[in-house]
Amino acid sequence: MVSSNPCRSSRPMATSASSVRAARSSIELASNPRLHGVTATYFSGRARPAAWPVTTLDPVNQRAVWALCAELSGHSAH
């Protein structure tokens, strides 16, 4: 049976050194108790607070991302 969800697979994901490094900061941010409740903060790839990239502050880009997320999730963008 083929899953309609592209995020689910019957095959295990390949683990490489680069994928482990890429996941390290996400795991740190999700599991560090000192960051519990921290919101509206951008973190660098090294899990350090950093300035928001200029492109993320552009209202045109924000609307485009919001619309794409709504489309992909099947929800209304408004």
Protein backbone atom coordinates (compact mmCIF):
# COMPACT_ATOMS: atom_id res chain seq x y z
CA MET A 1 0.00 0.00 0.00
CA VAL A 2 1.32 3.43 -0.93
CA SER A 3 0.89 6.15 1.68
CA SER A 4 -0.76 9.37 0.56
CA ASN A 5 1.35 11.22 3.12
CA PRO A 6 4.79 11.97 1.65
CA CYS A 7 6.20 12.33 5.17
CA ARG A 8 5.44 8.72 6.04
CA SER A 9 7.41 5.90 4.56
CA SER A 10 7.72 2.21 5.27
CA ARG A 11 11.45 2.51 4.66
CA PRO A 12 13.75 3.75 7.42
CA MET A 13 15.37 7.10 6.77
CA ALA A 14 19.03 7.09 5.87
CA THR A 15 21.19 8.60 8.56
CA SER A 16 24.36 10.32 7.54
CA ALA A 17 26.82 12.44 9.46
CA SER A 18 25.50 15.54 7.70
CA SER A 19 21.87 14.80 8.63
CA VAL A 20 22.88 14.24 12.24
CA ARG A 21 24.72 17.58 12.28
CA ALA A 22 21.74 19.29 10.67
CA ALA A 23 19.36 17.91 13.29
CA ARG A 24 21.59 18.72 16.26
CA SER A 25 20.44 22.34 16.69
CA SER A 26 16.75 21.43 16.34
CA ILE A 27 17.11 18.73 18.97
CA GLU A 28 18.97 21.13 21.28
CA LEU A 29 16.29 23.81 20.90
CA ALA A 30 13.45 21.34 21.45
CA SER A 31 14.95 19.68 24.50
CA ASN A 32 16.82 22.42 26.38
CA PRO A 33 14.82 23.27 29.54
CA ARG A 34 16.37 26.76 29.66
CA LEU A 35 14.49 27.56 26.45
CA HIS A 36 11.07 26.47 27.74
CA GLY A 37 8.62 29.27 26.99
CA VAL A 38 11.00 31.16 24.69
CA THR A 39 8.99 32.45 21.73
CA ALA A 40 9.41 34.82 18.79
CA THR A 41 13.16 34.22 18.73
CA TYR A 42 15.21 33.22 15.71
CA PHE A 43 18.09 30.82 16.31
CA SER A 44 21.12 30.22 14.14
CA GLY A 45 22.16 26.80 12.92
CA ARG A 46 24.29 26.55 16.05
CA ALA A 47 21.22 27.01 18.30
CA ARG A 48 22.22 30.54 19.29
CA PRO A 49 19.83 33.52 19.29
CA ALA A 50 20.40 35.57 16.15
CA ALA A 51 18.87 38.47 14.24
CA TRP A 52 15.94 37.57 12.01
CA PRO A 53 17.02 37.36 8.36
CA VAL A 54 15.85 40.47 6.48
CA THR A 55 13.81 38.38 4.04
CA THR A 56 11.65 37.03 6.88
CA LEU A 57 10.66 40.56 7.89
CA ASP A 58 9.36 41.45 4.42
CA PRO A 59 5.51 41.53 4.50
CA VAL A 60 5.32 40.28 0.89
CA ASN A 61 7.40 37.21 1.80
CA GLN A 62 5.37 36.67 4.97
CA ARG A 63 2.10 36.65 3.00
CA ALA A 64 3.56 34.31 0.38
CA VAL A 65 4.73 31.82 3.01
CA TRP A 66 1.39 32.02 4.83
CA ALA A 67 -0.50 31.39 1.57
CA LEU A 68 1.74 28.44 0.69
CA CYS A 69 1.30 26.88 4.14
CA ALA A 70 -2.47 27.32 3.85
CA GLU A 71 -2.48 25.74 0.40
CA LEU A 72 -0.35 22.77 1.46
CA SER A 73 -2.42 22.16 4.58
CA GLY A 74 -5.76 22.56 2.82
CA HIS A 75 -6.77 25.56 4.95
CA SER A 76 -7.84 29.05 3.96
CA ALA A 77 -5.09 31.69 3.94
CA HIS A 78 -7.45 34.22 5.56
